[in-house]
Amino acid sequence: SFADTLRHAYGTGGYKAWLQAQLSDLHQRADRDHVSPLEFAKLYAEMGNTDSAMQYLERGYVEHTVELVRLQLEPAYDGLHSDPRFRDLIRRIGLPESIAFN
């Protein structure tokens, strides 16, 4: 089962391996169904892969993904707050900058 896969990944490689297993599963699901770009963005952000996270956030913006309105409240993106691309995205979405940048 997928839970066993995640448990094994975490047991052998820790949190990063667990995230990678989640990402692999997400890519497999995306081959069959639409998966929100924000699901990918969150995992990449948690892995510390800022460039990939931003690419998927931009894709979410282009697709008008509703979850973007909560972008500043998602702890996974805390490490992106100082990135100029993230700040620009917040401005383009029309969210108040004070939430993310204080």
N, C-alpha and C. Protein backbone atom coordinates (compact mmCIF):
# COMPACT_ATOMS: atom_id res chain seq x y z
N SER A 1 0.83 -1.19 0.00
CA SER A 1 0.00 0.00 0.00
C SER A 1 0.88 1.25 0.00
N PHE A 2 0.26 2.38 -0.35
CA PHE A 2 1.00 3.63 -0.37
C PHE A 2 1.48 4.02 1.03
N ALA A 3 0.66 3.72 2.04
CA ALA A 3 1.07 4.01 3.42
C ALA A 3 2.34 3.23 3.78
N ASP A 4 2.41 1.98 3.35
CA ASP A 4 3.62 1.19 3.60
C ASP A 4 4.83 1.78 2.88
N THR A 5 4.60 2.26 1.67
CA THR A 5 5.68 2.89 0.90
C THR A 5 6.20 4.11 1.64
N LEU A 6 5.28 4.94 2.14
CA LEU A 6 5.68 6.14 2.88
C LEU A 6 6.40 5.79 4.18
N ARG A 7 5.88 4.80 4.87
CA ARG A 7 6.49 4.36 6.13
C ARG A 7 7.91 3.87 5.87
N HIS A 8 8.08 3.07 4.82
CA HIS A 8 9.41 2.56 4.48
C HIS A 8 10.35 3.70 4.09
N ALA A 9 9.86 4.63 3.27
CA ALA A 9 10.68 5.76 2.84
C ALA A 9 11.15 6.56 4.05
N TYR A 10 10.23 6.83 4.96
CA TYR A 10 10.60 7.61 6.15
C TYR A 10 11.58 6.83 7.01
N GLY A 11 11.34 5.53 7.15
CA GLY A 11 12.22 4.70 7.99
C GLY A 11 13.62 4.58 7.45
N THR A 12 13.78 4.59 6.14
CA THR A 12 15.11 4.43 5.56
C THR A 12 15.80 5.75 5.23
N GLY A 13 15.01 6.77 4.88
CA GLY A 13 15.64 8.01 4.44
C GLY A 13 15.19 9.26 5.15
N GLY A 14 14.32 9.13 6.14
CA GLY A 14 13.87 10.29 6.89
C GLY A 14 12.84 11.12 6.14
N TYR A 15 12.68 12.35 6.59
CA TYR A 15 11.64 13.23 6.07
C TYR A 15 11.81 13.52 4.59
N LYS A 16 13.07 13.77 4.15
CA LYS A 16 13.31 14.07 2.73
C LYS A 16 12.87 12.91 1.85
N ALA A 17 13.17 11.68 2.26
CA ALA A 17 12.77 10.51 1.47
C ALA A 17 11.25 10.37 1.48
N TRP A 18 10.61 10.69 2.60
CA TRP A 18 9.16 10.65 2.70
C TRP A 18 8.54 11.65 1.72
N LEU A 19 9.11 12.87 1.67
CA LEU A 19 8.63 13.88 0.74
C LEU A 19 8.83 13.43 -0.71
N GLN A 20 9.97 12.81 -0.99
CA GLN A 20 10.25 12.33 -2.35
C GLN A 20 9.26 11.25 -2.75
N ALA A 21 8.89 10.36 -1.82
CA ALA A 21 7.90 9.32 -2.11
C ALA A 21 6.55 9.96 -2.41
N GLN A 22 6.19 10.99 -1.65
CA GLN A 22 4.94 11.72 -1.90
C GLN A 22 4.97 12.35 -3.30
N LEU A 23 6.10 12.96 -3.63
CA LEU A 23 6.25 13.62 -4.92
C LEU A 23 6.13 12.61 -6.07
N SER A 24 6.76 11.46 -5.92
CA SER A 24 6.66 10.41 -6.95
C SER A 24 5.22 9.98 -7.15
N ASP A 25 4.50 9.81 -6.05
CA ASP A 25 3.09 9.42 -6.14
C ASP A 25 2.27 10.51 -6.83
N LEU A 26 2.58 11.76 -6.51
CA LEU A 26 1.86 12.88 -7.11
C LEU A 26 2.07 12.92 -8.62
N HIS A 27 3.31 12.69 -9.06
CA HIS A 27 3.60 12.66 -10.50
C HIS A 27 2.83 11.52 -11.18
N GLN A 28 2.74 10.38 -10.52
CA GLN A 28 1.99 9.25 -11.09
C GLN A 28 0.50 9.59 -11.20
N ARG A 29 -0.05 10.22 -10.15
CA ARG A 29 -1.46 10.61 -10.20
C ARG A 29 -1.70 11.65 -11.29
N ALA A 30 -0.73 12.55 -11.47
CA ALA A 30 -0.87 13.62 -12.48
C ALA A 30 -0.87 13.06 -13.89
N ASP A 31 -0.30 11.88 -14.07
CA ASP A 31 -0.34 11.24 -15.39
C ASP A 31 -1.76 10.80 -15.74
N ARG A 32 -2.58 10.53 -14.72
CA ARG A 32 -3.95 10.03 -14.94
C ARG A 32 -5.01 11.11 -14.78
N ASP A 33 -4.83 12.00 -13.82
CA ASP A 33 -5.83 13.00 -13.46
C ASP A 33 -5.17 14.36 -13.30
N HIS A 34 -6.01 15.39 -13.26
CA HIS A 34 -5.49 16.72 -12.96
C HIS A 34 -5.14 16.80 -11.48
N VAL A 35 -3.96 17.28 -11.21
CA VAL A 35 -3.52 17.50 -9.83
C VAL A 35 -3.20 18.98 -9.71
N SER A 36 -3.67 19.59 -8.65
CA SER A 36 -3.41 21.02 -8.45
C SER A 36 -1.91 21.29 -8.43
N PRO A 37 -1.47 22.31 -9.16
CA PRO A 37 -0.05 22.67 -9.13
C PRO A 37 0.42 23.02 -7.72
N LEU A 38 -0.51 23.45 -6.86
CA LEU A 38 -0.11 23.80 -5.51
C LEU A 38 0.28 22.59 -4.68
N GLU A 39 -0.23 21.42 -5.02
CA GLU A 39 0.22 20.21 -4.32
C GLU A 39 1.70 19.97 -4.60
N PHE A 40 2.10 20.15 -5.87
CA PHE A 40 3.51 20.03 -6.22
C PHE A 40 4.33 21.14 -5.56
N ALA A 41 3.83 22.37 -5.64
CA ALA A 41 4.56 23.52 -5.09
C ALA A 41 4.84 23.32 -3.61
N LYS A 42 3.86 22.84 -2.88
CA LYS A 42 4.03 22.65 -1.43
C LYS A 42 5.12 21.62 -1.14
N LEU A 43 5.09 20.50 -1.84
CA LEU A 43 6.12 19.48 -1.62
C LEU A 43 7.50 19.99 -1.98
N TYR A 44 7.61 20.68 -3.13
CA TYR A 44 8.91 21.21 -3.52
C TYR A 44 9.40 22.25 -2.51
N ALA A 45 8.50 23.08 -2.01
CA ALA A 45 8.89 24.08 -1.01
C ALA A 45 9.37 23.39 0.26
N GLU A 46 8.68 22.35 0.68
CA GLU A 46 9.09 21.63 1.88
C GLU A 46 10.43 20.93 1.68
N MET A 47 10.75 20.58 0.44
CA MET A 47 12.03 19.94 0.14
C MET A 47 13.15 20.98 0.00
N GLY A 48 12.79 22.26 0.01
CA GLY A 48 13.79 23.31 -0.15
C GLY A 48 14.13 23.61 -1.59
N ASN A 49 13.33 23.11 -2.52
CA ASN A 49 13.55 23.34 -3.95
C ASN A 49 12.72 24.56 -4.38
N THR A 50 13.26 25.73 -4.13
CA THR A 50 12.55 26.99 -4.36
C THR A 50 12.17 27.18 -5.82
N ASP A 51 13.09 26.87 -6.73
CA ASP A 51 12.81 27.10 -8.15
C ASP A 51 11.62 26.27 -8.63
N SER A 52 11.59 24.99 -8.27
CA SER A 52 10.47 24.14 -8.69
C SER A 52 9.18 24.58 -8.01
N ALA A 53 9.27 24.95 -6.73
CA ALA A 53 8.09 25.43 -6.02
C ALA A 53 7.51 26.65 -6.72
N MET A 54 8.37 27.58 -7.10
CA MET A 54 7.90 28.79 -7.77
C MET A 54 7.32 28.48 -9.15
N GLN A 55 7.91 27.53 -9.86
CA GLN A 55 7.36 27.15 -11.17
C GLN A 55 5.93 26.65 -11.02
N TYR A 56 5.69 25.82 -10.00
CA TYR A 56 4.34 25.29 -9.80
C TYR A 56 3.39 26.35 -9.25
N LEU A 57 3.90 27.27 -8.44
CA LEU A 57 3.04 28.37 -7.98
C LEU A 57 2.63 29.23 -9.17
N GLU A 58 3.56 29.49 -10.07
CA GLU A 58 3.23 30.26 -11.28
C GLU A 58 2.20 29.52 -12.12
N ARG A 59 2.35 28.21 -12.23
CA ARG A 59 1.37 27.42 -12.98
C ARG A 59 0.00 27.54 -12.32
N GLY A 60 -0.01 27.51 -10.98
CA GLY A 60 -1.26 27.69 -10.25
C GLY A 60 -1.88 29.04 -10.51
N TYR A 61 -1.04 30.05 -10.63
CA TYR A 61 -1.54 31.40 -10.94
C TYR A 61 -2.17 31.43 -12.33
N VAL A 62 -1.50 30.84 -13.30
CA VAL A 62 -2.00 30.81 -14.67
C VAL A 62 -3.33 30.05 -14.74
N GLU A 63 -3.45 28.99 -13.93
CA GLU A 63 -4.67 28.18 -13.92
C GLU A 63 -5.75 28.76 -13.00
N HIS A 64 -5.46 29.90 -12.37
CA HIS A 64 -6.41 30.54 -11.45
C HIS A 64 -6.81 29.59 -10.31
N THR A 65 -5.82 28.93 -9.74
CA THR A 65 -6.05 27.99 -8.65
C THR A 65 -6.55 28.73 -7.41
N VAL A 66 -7.72 28.36 -6.95
CA VAL A 66 -8.39 29.06 -5.85
C VAL A 66 -7.55 29.06 -4.58
N GLU A 67 -6.83 27.99 -4.32
CA GLU A 67 -6.06 27.88 -3.08
C GLU A 67 -4.98 28.94 -2.93
N LEU A 68 -4.69 29.67 -4.01
CA LEU A 68 -3.68 30.72 -3.93
C LEU A 68 -4.07 31.82 -2.94
N VAL A 69 -5.36 31.97 -2.66
CA VAL A 69 -5.77 33.02 -1.72
C VAL A 69 -5.25 32.73 -0.31
N ARG A 70 -4.87 31.50 -0.03
CA ARG A 70 -4.34 31.13 1.28
C ARG A 70 -2.81 30.96 1.25
N LEU A 71 -2.20 31.43 0.20
CA LEU A 71 -0.77 31.22 -0.03
C LEU A 71 0.09 31.65 1.16
N GLN A 72 -0.21 32.80 1.72
CA GLN A 72 0.61 33.34 2.80
C GLN A 72 0.40 32.60 4.12
N LEU A 73 -0.65 31.84 4.22
CA LEU A 73 -0.96 31.15 5.47
C LEU A 73 -0.39 29.73 5.52
N GLU A 74 0.15 29.25 4.42
CA GLU A 74 0.69 27.90 4.35
C GLU A 74 2.13 27.88 4.84
N PRO A 75 2.39 27.21 5.98
CA PRO A 75 3.76 27.20 6.53
C PRO A 75 4.82 26.65 5.58
N ALA A 76 4.43 25.80 4.65
CA ALA A 76 5.40 25.23 3.71
C ALA A 76 6.10 26.31 2.90
N TYR A 77 5.41 27.44 2.71
CA TYR A 77 5.97 28.52 1.89
C TYR A 77 6.72 29.58 2.70
N ASP A 78 6.85 29.38 3.99
CA ASP A 78 7.54 30.38 4.83
C ASP A 78 8.93 30.70 4.31
N GLY A 79 9.64 29.70 3.81
CA GLY A 79 10.98 29.92 3.29
C GLY A 79 11.03 30.69 1.99
N LEU A 80 9.87 30.89 1.38
CA LEU A 80 9.82 31.62 0.10
C LEU A 80 9.51 33.10 0.28
N HIS A 81 9.11 33.50 1.46
CA HIS A 81 8.63 34.87 1.68
C HIS A 81 9.64 35.94 1.27
N SER A 82 10.93 35.63 1.37
CA SER A 82 11.93 36.64 1.01
C SER A 82 12.29 36.60 -0.48
N ASP A 83 11.79 35.61 -1.19
CA ASP A 83 12.09 35.47 -2.62
C ASP A 83 11.32 36.53 -3.40
N PRO A 84 12.00 37.32 -4.23
CA PRO A 84 11.31 38.36 -5.01
C PRO A 84 10.21 37.80 -5.90
N ARG A 85 10.38 36.58 -6.40
CA ARG A 85 9.34 35.97 -7.24
C ARG A 85 8.07 35.70 -6.43
N PHE A 86 8.24 35.29 -5.18
CA PHE A 86 7.10 35.04 -4.30
C PHE A 86 6.39 36.36 -4.00
N ARG A 87 7.18 37.39 -3.69
CA ARG A 87 6.61 38.71 -3.40
C ARG A 87 5.82 39.24 -4.60
N ASP A 88 6.39 39.05 -5.79
CA ASP A 88 5.71 39.50 -7.01
C ASP A 88 4.40 38.73 -7.20
N LEU A 89 4.42 37.43 -6.94
CA LEU A 89 3.22 36.62 -7.07
C LEU A 89 2.14 37.11 -6.10
N ILE A 90 2.52 37.40 -4.87
CA ILE A 90 1.57 37.92 -3.87
C ILE A 90 0.93 39.22 -4.39
N ARG A 91 1.74 40.08 -4.95
CA ARG A 91 1.23 41.35 -5.49
C ARG A 91 0.26 41.10 -6.65
N ARG A 92 0.63 40.20 -7.56
CA ARG A 92 -0.22 39.92 -8.72
C ARG A 92 -1.54 39.28 -8.31
N ILE A 93 -1.51 38.47 -7.29
CA ILE A 93 -2.74 37.85 -6.79
C ILE A 93 -3.63 38.91 -6.16
N GLY A 94 -2.99 39.94 -5.57
CA GLY A 94 -3.74 41.01 -4.93
C GLY A 94 -3.91 40.79 -3.44
N LEU A 95 -3.02 39.98 -2.86
CA LEU A 95 -3.08 39.73 -1.42
C LEU A 95 -2.32 40.82 -0.67
N PRO A 96 -2.72 41.09 0.56
CA PRO A 96 -2.00 42.10 1.35
C PRO A 96 -0.58 41.61 1.67
N GLU A 97 0.40 42.42 1.33
CA GLU A 97 1.78 42.02 1.53
C GLU A 97 2.15 41.95 3.01
N SER A 98 1.48 42.67 3.85
CA SER A 98 1.86 42.72 5.26
C SER A 98 1.80 41.37 5.94
N ILE A 99 0.92 40.48 5.49
CA ILE A 99 0.81 39.17 6.12
C ILE A 99 2.08 38.36 5.91
N ALA A 100 2.61 38.38 4.71
CA ALA A 100 3.74 37.52 4.39
C ALA A 100 5.09 38.15 4.71
N PHE A 101 5.16 39.46 4.76
CA PHE A 101 6.48 40.07 4.76
C PHE A 101 6.85 40.79 6.06
N ASN A 102 6.16 40.47 7.12
CA ASN A 102 6.53 41.07 8.42
C ASN A 102 7.36 40.11 9.21
